[in-house]
């Protein structure tokens, strides 16, 4: 049984520059860490900036610049993976501004084995458990969904070799009479071992849509949901136990006014920010006691994740942070459930 449904962490992206714009305090006598940003007032041109000078946020834990990928996995992903192996659904989000280390945290780097991120480490952990647990027979399937401007695309469709996102099959949401969600045109591929699962991850990542913006030359414009579907049964039994683990790389969360773009990219930014707002609404609603209505239907992402948020499901979020002074104002007023203390 899940003890606490939503846990929020933060990770500071390493920088070679000396910076005094933030501080981390691991609180004694209580669980959690605080992250404080200090933004000096700007006295340029003789005008006084009356904005706040400091912003304080509380997290389950803050991973500072020296944190290793293994440490992040152990705290954030391993408990959720254990919960999925116990038969409950789970979701892990990586959230942050483009260039804040979000994709490195959830996918990892290609140069060193130790740079593997949450997804490959989680796959390794799950398949190792499958092979070592002789009390059950496990099967696993993989799906990889991209949501771009509120339209879903199957990143693992075997019949297409996409040169454009529009070449991929469009995924649509269907709801049955029992209000269960079904995703039409989303392929689910069986993966017998870790290598096959990693190959599917690579295929999906290859098909991801990348655009260049002034904020970053490799700015992801979409949300991506990599899902491991786990099915287990005891030997000789026909009773199946099913669970899902969603690993979600959320689109870059920039302010529309700051990105310096218009036209199609402005439309993309508005879709991204609106979908993040709807996710925030769902998670806030789940945290409120006696709340009867949860607004899952407002966006495709919350509809897809509906059976894996709240209840006995475990939800973990890591907010990645760049301490570059140009981006501190974005971090000091984040939009998604990371409320100041």
C-alpha atoms as a PDB file:
ATOM      1  CA  UNK A   1       0.000   0.000   0.000  1.00  0.00           C
ATOM      2  CA  UNK A   2       1.274   3.455  -0.881  1.00  0.00           C
ATOM      3  CA  UNK A   3       2.048   5.620   2.125  1.00  0.00           C
ATOM      4  CA  UNK A   4       2.303   9.006   0.418  1.00  0.00           C
ATOM      5  CA  UNK A   5       0.936   9.570  -3.051  1.00  0.00           C
ATOM      6  CA  UNK A   6       2.783  12.668  -4.302  1.00  0.00           C
ATOM      7  CA  UNK A   7       6.427  13.482  -3.636  1.00  0.00           C
ATOM      8  CA  UNK A   8       8.257  16.418  -5.204  1.00  0.00           C
ATOM      9  CA  UNK A   9      12.030  16.710  -5.554  1.00  0.00           C
ATOM     10  CA  UNK A  10      14.364  19.244  -7.139  1.00  0.00           C
ATOM     11  CA  UNK A  11      17.718  18.886  -8.882  1.00  0.00           C
ATOM     12  CA  UNK A  12      20.213  21.669  -9.563  1.00  0.00           C
ATOM     13  CA  UNK A  13      21.974  21.489 -12.932  1.00  0.00           C
ATOM     14  CA  UNK A  14      25.770  21.604 -12.574  1.00  0.00           C
ATOM     15  CA  UNK A  15      27.436  24.825 -13.700  1.00  0.00           C
ATOM     16  CA  UNK A  16      31.093  25.820 -13.979  1.00  0.00           C
ATOM     17  CA  UNK A  17      30.247  29.391 -13.013  1.00  0.00           C
ATOM     18  CA  UNK A  18      30.403  30.505  -9.404  1.00  0.00           C
ATOM     19  CA  UNK A  19      26.894  31.477  -8.381  1.00  0.00           C
ATOM     20  CA  UNK A  20      25.388  32.877  -5.222  1.00  0.00           C
ATOM     21  CA  UNK A  21      21.806  33.005  -6.446  1.00  0.00           C
ATOM     22  CA  UNK A  22      20.582  29.957  -4.533  1.00  0.00           C
ATOM     23  CA  UNK A  23      21.079  27.983  -1.332  1.00  0.00           C
ATOM     24  CA  UNK A  24      19.957  24.535  -0.170  1.00  0.00           C
ATOM     25  CA  UNK A  25      19.052  23.762   3.422  1.00  0.00           C
ATOM     26  CA  UNK A  26      18.474  20.166   4.517  1.00  0.00           C
ATOM     27  CA  UNK A  27      16.132  20.647   7.445  1.00  0.00           C
ATOM     28  CA  UNK A  28      16.912  18.968  10.732  1.00  0.00           C
ATOM     29  CA  UNK A  29      14.210  17.251  12.799  1.00  0.00           C
ATOM     30  CA  UNK A  30      11.885  16.992   9.789  1.00  0.00           C
ATOM     31  CA  UNK A  31      11.763  15.372   6.384  1.00  0.00           C
ATOM     32  CA  UNK A  32      12.544  17.687   3.501  1.00  0.00           C
ATOM     33  CA  UNK A  33      14.844  20.332   2.059  1.00  0.00           C
ATOM     34  CA  UNK A  34      14.360  23.993   1.236  1.00  0.00           C
ATOM     35  CA  UNK A  35      15.655  25.745  -1.857  1.00  0.00           C
ATOM     36  CA  UNK A  36      16.055  29.524  -1.753  1.00  0.00           C
ATOM     37  CA  UNK A  37      16.694  31.791  -4.727  1.00  0.00           C
ATOM     38  CA  UNK A  38      18.158  35.246  -4.166  1.00  0.00           C
ATOM     39  CA  UNK A  39      17.403  37.767  -6.912  1.00  0.00           C
ATOM     40  CA  UNK A  40      19.046  41.159  -6.225  1.00  0.00           C
ATOM     41  CA  UNK A  41      16.976  44.223  -7.024  1.00  0.00           C
ATOM     42  CA  UNK A  42      17.828  45.895 -10.312  1.00  0.00           C
ATOM     43  CA  UNK A  43      18.651  49.590  -9.957  1.00  0.00           C
ATOM     44  CA  UNK A  44      19.448  50.147 -13.631  1.00  0.00           C
ATOM     45  CA  UNK A  45      18.338  53.436 -15.230  1.00  0.00           C
ATOM     46  CA  UNK A  46      17.437  54.846 -11.836  1.00  0.00           C
ATOM     47  CA  UNK A  47      14.303  52.718 -11.499  1.00  0.00           C
ATOM     48  CA  UNK A  48      13.751  50.581  -8.428  1.00  0.00           C
ATOM     49  CA  UNK A  49      12.608  47.010  -8.991  1.00  0.00           C
ATOM     50  CA  UNK A  50      10.209  46.182  -6.188  1.00  0.00           C
ATOM     51  CA  UNK A  51      10.016  42.476  -6.942  1.00  0.00           C
ATOM     52  CA  UNK A  52      10.830  40.065  -4.136  1.00  0.00           C
ATOM     53  CA  UNK A  53      14.518  39.535  -3.466  1.00  0.00           C
ATOM     54  CA  UNK A  54      14.241  35.904  -2.368  1.00  0.00           C
ATOM     55  CA  UNK A  55      11.977  32.951  -3.028  1.00  0.00           C
ATOM     56  CA  UNK A  56      11.802  29.885  -0.809  1.00  0.00           C
ATOM     57  CA  UNK A  57      10.533  26.463  -1.919  1.00  0.00           C
ATOM     58  CA  UNK A  58      10.200  23.237   0.036  1.00  0.00           C
ATOM     59  CA  UNK A  59      10.834  19.800  -1.475  1.00  0.00           C
ATOM     60  CA  UNK A  60      11.090  16.236  -0.265  1.00  0.00           C
ATOM     61  CA  UNK A  61      14.780  16.538  -1.121  1.00  0.00           C
ATOM     62  CA  UNK A  62      16.980  18.846  -3.178  1.00  0.00           C
ATOM     63  CA  UNK A  63      19.751  17.226  -5.214  1.00  0.00           C
ATOM     64  CA  UNK A  64      22.555  19.777  -5.483  1.00  0.00           C
ATOM     65  CA  UNK A  65      25.012  20.077  -8.365  1.00  0.00           C
ATOM     66  CA  UNK A  66      27.268  17.220  -7.237  1.00  0.00           C
ATOM     67  CA  UNK A  67      24.430  14.641  -7.092  1.00  0.00           C
ATOM     68  CA  UNK A  68      25.030  11.495  -9.157  1.00  0.00           C
ATOM     69  CA  UNK A  69      22.522   9.720 -11.402  1.00  0.00           C
ATOM     70  CA  UNK A  70      22.540   6.650  -9.120  1.00  0.00           C
ATOM     71  CA  UNK A  71      21.524   8.754  -6.112  1.00  0.00           C
ATOM     72  CA  UNK A  72      18.665  10.347  -8.047  1.00  0.00           C
ATOM     73  CA  UNK A  73      17.411   6.924  -9.162  1.00  0.00           C
ATOM     74  CA  UNK A  74      17.558   5.442  -5.650  1.00  0.00           C
ATOM     75  CA  UNK A  75      15.481   8.250  -4.129  1.00  0.00           C
ATOM     76  CA  UNK A  76      13.042   9.027  -6.934  1.00  0.00           C
ATOM     77  CA  UNK A  77      12.487   6.025  -9.200  1.00  0.00           C
ATOM     78  CA  UNK A  78      13.272   2.912  -7.168  1.00  0.00           C
ATOM     79  CA  UNK A  79      10.382   3.329  -4.654  1.00  0.00           C
ATOM     80  CA  UNK A  80       7.926   3.852  -7.527  1.00  0.00           C
ATOM     81  CA  UNK A  81       9.302   0.820  -9.391  1.00  0.00           C
ATOM     82  CA  UNK A  82       8.951  -1.299  -6.233  1.00  0.00           C
ATOM     83  CA  UNK A  83       5.358  -0.135  -5.967  1.00  0.00           C
ATOM     84  CA  UNK A  84       4.677  -1.148  -9.589  1.00  0.00           C
ATOM     85  CA  UNK A  85       6.171  -4.582  -8.891  1.00  0.00           C
ATOM     86  CA  UNK A  86       3.736  -4.825  -5.967  1.00  0.00           C
ATOM     87  CA  UNK A  87       0.835  -4.319  -8.395  1.00  0.00           C
ATOM     88  CA  UNK A  88       0.165  -0.571  -8.209  1.00  0.00           C
ATOM     89  CA  UNK A  89       0.435   1.999 -10.996  1.00  0.00           C
ATOM     90  CA  UNK A  90       3.027   4.754 -10.757  1.00  0.00           C
ATOM     91  CA  UNK A  91       4.152   7.922 -12.522  1.00  0.00           C
ATOM     92  CA  UNK A  92       7.478   9.772 -12.525  1.00  0.00           C
ATOM     93  CA  UNK A  93       7.618  13.283 -14.013  1.00  0.00           C
ATOM     94  CA  UNK A  94      10.644  15.342 -14.989  1.00  0.00           C
ATOM     95  CA  UNK A  95       9.685  19.010 -15.145  1.00  0.00           C
ATOM     96  CA  UNK A  96      11.658  22.172 -15.812  1.00  0.00           C
ATOM     97  CA  UNK A  97      12.703  24.891 -18.184  1.00  0.00           C
ATOM     98  CA  UNK A  98      14.420  23.856 -21.402  1.00  0.00           C
ATOM     99  CA  UNK A  99      18.129  23.412 -20.740  1.00  0.00           C
ATOM    100  CA  UNK A 100      17.728  22.729 -17.013  1.00  0.00           C
ATOM    101  CA  UNK A 101      18.940  19.129 -17.206  1.00  0.00           C
ATOM    102  CA  UNK A 102      15.481  17.607 -17.452  1.00  0.00           C
ATOM    103  CA  UNK A 103      16.152  15.132 -20.258  1.00  0.00           C
ATOM    104  CA  UNK A 104      19.578  14.236 -18.833  1.00  0.00           C
ATOM    105  CA  UNK A 105      17.884  13.353 -15.553  1.00  0.00           C
ATOM    106  CA  UNK A 106      15.192  11.141 -17.054  1.00  0.00           C
ATOM    107  CA  UNK A 107      17.054   9.681 -20.085  1.00  0.00           C
ATOM    108  CA  UNK A 108      20.719  10.304 -19.318  1.00  0.00           C
ATOM    109  CA  UNK A 109      23.863  10.972 -21.304  1.00  0.00           C
ATOM    110  CA  UNK A 110      25.360   8.754 -23.995  1.00  0.00           C
ATOM    111  CA  UNK A 111      29.049   9.165 -23.200  1.00  0.00           C
ATOM    112  CA  UNK A 112      29.408   7.245 -19.922  1.00  0.00           C
ATOM    113  CA  UNK A 113      27.559   4.241 -18.509  1.00  0.00           C
ATOM    114  CA  UNK A 114      27.325   6.037 -15.160  1.00  0.00           C
ATOM    115  CA  UNK A 115      25.379   8.830 -16.886  1.00  0.00           C
ATOM    116  CA  UNK A 116      22.339   6.596 -17.477  1.00  0.00           C
ATOM    117  CA  UNK A 117      19.157   8.370 -16.448  1.00  0.00           C
ATOM    118  CA  UNK A 118      15.994   7.322 -14.662  1.00  0.00           C
ATOM    119  CA  UNK A 119      14.417   5.411 -17.587  1.00  0.00           C
ATOM    120  CA  UNK A 120      17.344   3.079 -18.459  1.00  0.00           C
ATOM    121  CA  UNK A 121      18.138   2.513 -14.778  1.00  0.00           C
ATOM    122  CA  UNK A 122      14.496   1.698 -14.058  1.00  0.00           C
ATOM    123  CA  UNK A 123      14.357  -0.747 -16.972  1.00  0.00           C
ATOM    124  CA  UNK A 124      17.507  -2.463 -15.708  1.00  0.00           C
ATOM    125  CA  UNK A 125      16.047  -2.663 -12.195  1.00  0.00           C
ATOM    126  CA  UNK A 126      12.710  -4.098 -13.381  1.00  0.00           C
ATOM    127  CA  UNK A 127      14.177  -6.755 -15.675  1.00  0.00           C
ATOM    128  CA  UNK A 128      16.676  -7.789 -13.027  1.00  0.00           C
ATOM    129  CA  UNK A 129      13.745  -8.322 -10.657  1.00  0.00           C
ATOM    130  CA  UNK A 130      11.832 -10.285 -13.310  1.00  0.00           C
ATOM    131  CA  UNK A 131      14.733 -12.716 -13.706  1.00  0.00           C
ATOM    132  CA  UNK A 132      15.437 -13.105  -9.987  1.00  0.00           C
ATOM    133  CA  UNK A 133      11.872 -13.497  -8.670  1.00  0.00           C
ATOM    134  CA  UNK A 134      11.050 -17.181  -9.190  1.00  0.00           C
ATOM    135  CA  UNK A 135       7.722 -16.878  -7.367  1.00  0.00           C
ATOM    136  CA  UNK A 136       6.085 -15.165 -10.367  1.00  0.00           C
ATOM    137  CA  UNK A 137       6.108 -15.230 -14.145  1.00  0.00           C
ATOM    138  CA  UNK A 138       6.492 -11.724 -15.597  1.00  0.00           C
ATOM    139  CA  UNK A 139       5.806 -10.244 -19.011  1.00  0.00           C
ATOM    140  CA  UNK A 140       6.438  -6.627 -19.960  1.00  0.00           C
ATOM    141  CA  UNK A 141       5.248  -4.421 -22.799  1.00  0.00           C
ATOM    142  CA  UNK A 142       6.360  -0.924 -23.791  1.00  0.00           C
ATOM    143  CA  UNK A 143       4.467   2.030 -25.253  1.00  0.00           C
ATOM    144  CA  UNK A 144       5.808   5.494 -26.070  1.00  0.00           C
ATOM    145  CA  UNK A 145       3.384   8.376 -26.598  1.00  0.00           C
ATOM    146  CA  UNK A 146       4.224  11.900 -27.708  1.00  0.00           C
ATOM    147  CA  UNK A 147       1.712  14.698 -27.099  1.00  0.00           C
ATOM    148  CA  UNK A 148       2.246  17.737 -29.313  1.00  0.00           C
ATOM    149  CA  UNK A 149      -0.294  20.591 -29.301  1.00  0.00           C
ATOM    150  CA  UNK A 150      -2.813  18.270 -27.583  1.00  0.00           C
ATOM    151  CA  UNK A 151      -2.492  15.648 -30.344  1.00  0.00           C
ATOM    152  CA  UNK A 152      -1.055  12.230 -29.503  1.00  0.00           C
ATOM    153  CA  UNK A 153       1.435  10.340 -31.703  1.00  0.00           C
ATOM    154  CA  UNK A 154       2.717   6.771 -31.450  1.00  0.00           C
ATOM    155  CA  UNK A 155       6.521   6.859 -31.308  1.00  0.00           C
ATOM    156  CA  UNK A 156       6.841   3.070 -31.646  1.00  0.00           C
ATOM    157  CA  UNK A 157       4.682   2.338 -34.666  1.00  0.00           C
ATOM    158  CA  UNK A 158       6.538  -0.435 -36.553  1.00  0.00           C
ATOM    159  CA  UNK A 159       4.985   0.368 -39.928  1.00  0.00           C
ATOM    160  CA  UNK A 160       6.321   3.902 -40.222  1.00  0.00           C
ATOM    161  CA  UNK A 161       9.753   5.415 -40.530  1.00  0.00           C
ATOM    162  CA  UNK A 162       8.896   8.990 -39.743  1.00  0.00           C
ATOM    163  CA  UNK A 163      10.714  11.973 -41.171  1.00  0.00           C
ATOM    164  CA  UNK A 164       8.047  14.276 -39.746  1.00  0.00           C
ATOM    165  CA  UNK A 165       5.890  14.005 -36.656  1.00  0.00           C
ATOM    166  CA  UNK A 166       2.784  14.116 -38.833  1.00  0.00           C
ATOM    167  CA  UNK A 167       3.890  10.850 -40.474  1.00  0.00           C
ATOM    168  CA  UNK A 168       3.303   8.950 -37.233  1.00  0.00           C
ATOM    169  CA  UNK A 169      -0.113   7.458 -36.382  1.00  0.00           C
ATOM    170  CA  UNK A 170      -2.326   9.838 -34.423  1.00  0.00           C
ATOM    171  CA  UNK A 171      -3.445   8.474 -31.071  1.00  0.00           C
ATOM    172  CA  UNK A 172      -6.976   9.241 -29.926  1.00  0.00           C
ATOM    173  CA  UNK A 173      -8.647   8.788 -26.560  1.00  0.00           C
ATOM    174  CA  UNK A 174     -11.730   6.595 -26.259  1.00  0.00           C
ATOM    175  CA  UNK A 175     -13.738   6.099 -23.092  1.00  0.00           C
ATOM    176  CA  UNK A 176     -15.914   3.041 -22.504  1.00  0.00           C
ATOM    177  CA  UNK A 177     -19.188   2.889 -20.587  1.00  0.00           C
ATOM    178  CA  UNK A 178     -17.276   2.191 -17.361  1.00  0.00           C
ATOM    179  CA  UNK A 179     -15.232   5.381 -17.910  1.00  0.00           C
ATOM    180  CA  UNK A 180     -12.051   3.431 -18.617  1.00  0.00           C
ATOM    181  CA  UNK A 181      -9.631   5.139 -21.007  1.00  0.00           C
ATOM    182  CA  UNK A 182      -8.471   3.368 -24.177  1.00  0.00           C
ATOM    183  CA  UNK A 183      -5.838   4.772 -26.552  1.00  0.00           C
ATOM    184  CA  UNK A 184      -6.618   4.044 -30.191  1.00  0.00           C
ATOM    185  CA  UNK A 185      -3.574   3.622 -32.493  1.00  0.00           C
ATOM    186  CA  UNK A 186      -1.037   3.439 -29.642  1.00  0.00           C
ATOM    187  CA  UNK A 187       1.051   0.320 -30.213  1.00  0.00           C
ATOM    188  CA  UNK A 188       2.220  -1.723 -27.225  1.00  0.00           C
ATOM    189  CA  UNK A 189       5.360  -3.739 -27.965  1.00  0.00           C
ATOM    190  CA  UNK A 190       6.375  -6.789 -25.958  1.00  0.00           C
ATOM    191  CA  UNK A 191       9.937  -6.628 -24.638  1.00  0.00           C
ATOM    192  CA  UNK A 192      11.388  -9.876 -23.346  1.00  0.00           C
ATOM    193  CA  UNK A 193      14.531  -8.367 -21.866  1.00  0.00           C
ATOM    194  CA  UNK A 194      16.303  -5.137 -20.983  1.00  0.00           C
ATOM    195  CA  UNK A 195      18.025  -4.873 -24.363  1.00  0.00           C
ATOM    196  CA  UNK A 196      14.726  -5.020 -26.270  1.00  0.00           C
ATOM    197  CA  UNK A 197      13.219  -2.391 -23.966  1.00  0.00           C
ATOM    198  CA  UNK A 198      16.215  -0.072 -24.480  1.00  0.00           C
ATOM    199  CA  UNK A 199      15.951  -0.539 -28.256  1.00  0.00           C
ATOM    200  CA  UNK A 200      12.317   0.591 -28.078  1.00  0.00           C
ATOM    201  CA  UNK A 201      13.370   3.604 -26.000  1.00  0.00           C
ATOM    202  CA  UNK A 202      15.985   4.467 -28.648  1.00  0.00           C
ATOM    203  CA  UNK A 203      13.449   4.082 -31.476  1.00  0.00           C
ATOM    204  CA  UNK A 204      10.998   6.380 -29.725  1.00  0.00           C
ATOM    205  CA  UNK A 205      13.648   8.971 -28.909  1.00  0.00           C
ATOM    206  CA  UNK A 206      14.729   8.959 -32.564  1.00  0.00           C
ATOM    207  CA  UNK A 207      11.189   9.872 -33.591  1.00  0.00           C
ATOM    208  CA  UNK A 208      10.825  12.720 -31.110  1.00  0.00           C
ATOM    209  CA  UNK A 209      10.157  16.133 -32.593  1.00  0.00           C
ATOM    210  CA  UNK A 210      12.851  18.760 -31.963  1.00  0.00           C
ATOM    211  CA  UNK A 211      12.668  22.485 -32.798  1.00  0.00           C
ATOM    212  CA  UNK A 212      15.118  25.326 -32.463  1.00  0.00           C
ATOM    213  CA  UNK A 213      14.148  28.378 -30.433  1.00  0.00           C
ATOM    214  CA  UNK A 214      16.189  31.307 -29.092  1.00  0.00           C
ATOM    215  CA  UNK A 215      16.021  29.690 -25.639  1.00  0.00           C
ATOM    216  CA  UNK A 216      17.740  26.501 -26.736  1.00  0.00           C
ATOM    217  CA  UNK A 217      18.804  24.959 -30.035  1.00  0.00           C
ATOM    218  CA  UNK A 218      17.296  21.625 -29.016  1.00  0.00           C
ATOM    219  CA  UNK A 219      14.083  22.688 -27.332  1.00  0.00           C
ATOM    220  CA  UNK A 220      11.626  19.840 -26.916  1.00  0.00           C
ATOM    221  CA  UNK A 221       8.175  20.993 -27.927  1.00  0.00           C
ATOM    222  CA  UNK A 222       6.139  18.076 -26.643  1.00  0.00           C
ATOM    223  CA  UNK A 223       5.385  15.864 -23.667  1.00  0.00           C
ATOM    224  CA  UNK A 224       6.587  12.260 -23.943  1.00  0.00           C
ATOM    225  CA  UNK A 225       5.206   9.363 -21.899  1.00  0.00           C
ATOM    226  CA  UNK A 226       7.276   6.165 -21.856  1.00  0.00           C
ATOM    227  CA  UNK A 227       5.199   3.417 -20.244  1.00  0.00           C
ATOM    228  CA  UNK A 228       6.185  -0.026 -18.976  1.00  0.00           C
ATOM    229  CA  UNK A 229       3.162  -2.334 -18.732  1.00  0.00           C
ATOM    230  CA  UNK A 230       3.887  -5.125 -16.231  1.00  0.00           C
ATOM    231  CA  UNK A 231       1.886  -8.353 -16.025  1.00  0.00           C
ATOM    232  CA  UNK A 232       2.618 -11.070 -13.464  1.00  0.00           C
ATOM    233  CA  UNK A 233       1.117 -14.366 -12.339  1.00  0.00           C
ATOM    234  CA  UNK A 234       2.105 -17.197 -10.058  1.00  0.00           C
ATOM    235  CA  UNK A 235       3.331 -20.364 -11.842  1.00  0.00           C
ATOM    236  CA  UNK A 236       0.372 -22.591 -12.668  1.00  0.00           C
ATOM    237  CA  UNK A 237      -2.133 -19.816 -12.000  1.00  0.00           C
ATOM    238  CA  UNK A 238      -4.289 -18.041 -14.562  1.00  0.00           C
ATOM    239  CA  UNK A 239      -4.836 -15.018 -12.300  1.00  0.00           C
ATOM    240  CA  UNK A 240      -3.029 -12.006 -13.746  1.00  0.00           C
ATOM    241  CA  UNK A 241      -1.902  -8.898 -11.905  1.00  0.00           C
ATOM    242  CA  UNK A 242      -1.343  -5.820 -14.049  1.00  0.00           C
ATOM    243  CA  UNK A 243       0.349  -2.518 -13.295  1.00  0.00           C
ATOM    244  CA  UNK A 244       1.887   0.376 -15.227  1.00  0.00           C
ATOM    245  CA  UNK A 245       4.827   2.691 -14.767  1.00  0.00           C
ATOM    246  CA  UNK A 246       4.722   5.991 -16.656  1.00  0.00           C
ATOM    247  CA  UNK A 247       8.000   7.871 -17.093  1.00  0.00           C
ATOM    248  CA  UNK A 248       7.162  11.350 -18.324  1.00  0.00           C
ATOM    249  CA  UNK A 249       9.482  13.936 -19.890  1.00  0.00           C
ATOM    250  CA  UNK A 250       7.418  17.120 -19.791  1.00  0.00           C
ATOM    251  CA  UNK A 251       7.897  19.821 -22.424  1.00  0.00           C
ATOM    252  CA  UNK A 252      10.081  22.809 -21.579  1.00  0.00           C
ATOM    253  CA  UNK A 253       8.285  25.266 -19.319  1.00  0.00           C
ATOM    254  CA  UNK A 254       9.286  28.699 -20.571  1.00  0.00           C
ATOM    255  CA  UNK A 255       7.428  31.946 -20.267  1.00  0.00           C
ATOM    256  CA  UNK A 256       5.852  32.897 -23.580  1.00  0.00           C
ATOM    257  CA  UNK A 257       7.114  36.472 -23.307  1.00  0.00           C
ATOM    258  CA  UNK A 258      10.686  35.398 -22.657  1.00  0.00           C
ATOM    259  CA  UNK A 259      11.193  32.880 -25.435  1.00  0.00           C
ATOM    260  CA  UNK A 260      11.090  35.595 -28.086  1.00  0.00           C
ATOM    261  CA  UNK A 261       9.099  33.585 -30.602  1.00  0.00           C
ATOM    262  CA  UNK A 262       5.881  34.005 -32.534  1.00  0.00           C
ATOM    263  CA  UNK A 263       3.674  32.140 -34.967  1.00  0.00           C
ATOM    264  CA  UNK A 264       3.802  28.363 -34.700  1.00  0.00           C
ATOM    265  CA  UNK A 265       6.301  28.337 -31.824  1.00  0.00           C
ATOM    266  CA  UNK A 266       4.133  30.751 -29.853  1.00  0.00           C
ATOM    267  CA  UNK A 267       1.168  28.421 -30.378  1.00  0.00           C
ATOM    268  CA  UNK A 268       3.284  25.504 -29.163  1.00  0.00           C
ATOM    269  CA  UNK A 269       4.316  27.411 -26.036  1.00  0.00           C
ATOM    270  CA  UNK A 270       0.699  28.213 -25.218  1.00  0.00           C
ATOM    271  CA  UNK A 271      -0.331  24.553 -25.596  1.00  0.00           C
ATOM    272  CA  UNK A 272       2.563  23.469 -23.382  1.00  0.00           C
ATOM    273  CA  UNK A 273       1.797  25.977 -20.643  1.00  0.00           C
ATOM    274  CA  UNK A 274      -1.931  25.211 -20.717  1.00  0.00           C
ATOM    275  CA  UNK A 275      -1.361  21.465 -20.411  1.00  0.00           C
ATOM    276  CA  UNK A 276       1.051  22.038 -17.508  1.00  0.00           C
ATOM    277  CA  UNK A 277      -1.614  24.189 -15.869  1.00  0.00           C
ATOM    278  CA  UNK A 278      -4.165  21.376 -16.200  1.00  0.00           C
ATOM    279  CA  UNK A 279      -1.678  18.899 -14.722  1.00  0.00           C
ATOM    280  CA  UNK A 280      -1.171  21.289 -11.825  1.00  0.00           C
ATOM    281  CA  UNK A 281      -4.935  21.460 -11.270  1.00  0.00           C
ATOM    282  CA  UNK A 282      -5.189  17.664 -11.117  1.00  0.00           C
ATOM    283  CA  UNK A 283      -2.323  17.251  -8.661  1.00  0.00           C
ATOM    284  CA  UNK A 284      -3.610  20.040  -6.417  1.00  0.00           C
ATOM    285  CA  UNK A 285      -7.078  18.460  -6.468  1.00  0.00           C
ATOM    286  CA  UNK A 286      -5.596  15.078  -5.516  1.00  0.00           C
ATOM    287  CA  UNK A 287      -3.829  16.647  -2.542  1.00  0.00           C
ATOM    288  CA  UNK A 288      -7.026  18.185  -1.155  1.00  0.00           C
ATOM    289  CA  UNK A 289      -8.981  16.089   1.303  1.00  0.00           C
ATOM    290  CA  UNK A 290     -12.653  15.393   0.578  1.00  0.00           C
ATOM    291  CA  UNK A 291     -12.263  16.529  -3.044  1.00  0.00           C
ATOM    292  CA  UNK A 292     -14.864  14.619  -5.071  1.00  0.00           C
ATOM    293  CA  UNK A 293     -14.117  15.843  -8.616  1.00  0.00           C
ATOM    294  CA  UNK A 294     -10.681  15.535 -10.213  1.00  0.00           C
ATOM    295  CA  UNK A 295     -10.469  17.403 -13.585  1.00  0.00           C
ATOM    296  CA  UNK A 296      -8.718  14.667 -15.582  1.00  0.00           C
ATOM    297  CA  UNK A 297     -10.588  15.358 -18.825  1.00  0.00           C
ATOM    298  CA  UNK A 298      -9.133  18.859 -19.336  1.00  0.00           C
ATOM    299  CA  UNK A 299      -6.085  17.645 -21.268  1.00  0.00           C
ATOM    300  CA  UNK A 300      -4.852  14.603 -23.143  1.00  0.00           C
ATOM    301  CA  UNK A 301      -1.968  14.056 -20.745  1.00  0.00           C
ATOM    302  CA  UNK A 302      -4.105  13.974 -17.598  1.00  0.00           C
ATOM    303  CA  UNK A 303      -6.615  11.740 -19.375  1.00  0.00           C
ATOM    304  CA  UNK A 304      -3.861   9.270 -20.317  1.00  0.00           C
ATOM    305  CA  UNK A 305      -2.426   9.266 -16.776  1.00  0.00           C
ATOM    306  CA  UNK A 306      -5.807   9.144 -15.069  1.00  0.00           C
ATOM    307  CA  UNK A 307      -5.472   5.613 -13.689  1.00  0.00           C
ATOM    308  CA  UNK A 308      -1.922   6.280 -12.481  1.00  0.00           C
ATOM    309  CA  UNK A 309      -2.399   9.454 -10.439  1.00  0.00           C
ATOM    310  CA  UNK A 310      -3.951   9.463  -6.977  1.00  0.00           C
ATOM    311  CA  UNK A 311      -5.531   6.628  -5.037  1.00  0.00           C
ATOM    312  CA  UNK A 312      -3.051   3.829  -4.355  1.00  0.00           C
ATOM    313  CA  UNK A 313      -0.806   5.039  -7.175  1.00  0.00           C
ATOM    314  CA  UNK A 314       2.561   6.602  -6.440  1.00  0.00           C
ATOM    315  CA  UNK A 315       3.438   9.884  -8.137  1.00  0.00           C
ATOM    316  CA  UNK A 316       6.906  11.415  -8.034  1.00  0.00           C
ATOM    317  CA  UNK A 317       8.040  14.644  -9.655  1.00  0.00           C
ATOM    318  CA  UNK A 318      11.536  16.045 -10.067  1.00  0.00           C
ATOM    319  CA  UNK A 319      11.851  19.734 -10.915  1.00  0.00           C
ATOM    320  CA  UNK A 320      15.151  20.403 -12.655  1.00  0.00           C
ATOM    321  CA  UNK A 321      16.680  23.835 -12.157  1.00  0.00           C
ATOM    322  CA  UNK A 322      19.309  25.876 -13.985  1.00  0.00           C
ATOM    323  CA  UNK A 323      20.974  28.492 -11.778  1.00  0.00           C
ATOM    324  CA  UNK A 324      22.030  30.618 -14.732  1.00  0.00           C
ATOM    325  CA  UNK A 325      21.081  34.164 -13.651  1.00  0.00           C
ATOM    326  CA  UNK A 326      19.171  34.714 -16.901  1.00  0.00           C
ATOM    327  CA  UNK A 327      16.741  31.987 -15.878  1.00  0.00           C
ATOM    328  CA  UNK A 328      16.358  32.572 -12.151  1.00  0.00           C
ATOM    329  CA  UNK A 329      13.153  34.567 -12.512  1.00  0.00           C
ATOM    330  CA  UNK A 330      11.548  31.569 -14.239  1.00  0.00           C
ATOM    331  CA  UNK A 331      12.593  29.320 -11.382  1.00  0.00           C
ATOM    332  CA  UNK A 332      11.523  31.820  -8.743  1.00  0.00           C
ATOM    333  CA  UNK A 333       7.917  31.739  -9.911  1.00  0.00           C
ATOM    334  CA  UNK A 334       7.345  28.185 -11.174  1.00  0.00           C
ATOM    335  CA  UNK A 335       3.845  27.335 -12.286  1.00  0.00           C
ATOM    336  CA  UNK A 336       3.556  23.683 -11.435  1.00  0.00           C
ATOM    337  CA  UNK A 337       2.690  22.675  -7.848  1.00  0.00           C
ATOM    338  CA  UNK A 338       6.037  23.865  -6.502  1.00  0.00           C
ATOM    339  CA  UNK A 339       4.616  26.454  -4.186  1.00  0.00           C
ATOM    340  CA  UNK A 340       6.744  28.830  -2.129  1.00  0.00           C
ATOM    341  CA  UNK A 341       6.964  28.082   1.587  1.00  0.00           C
END
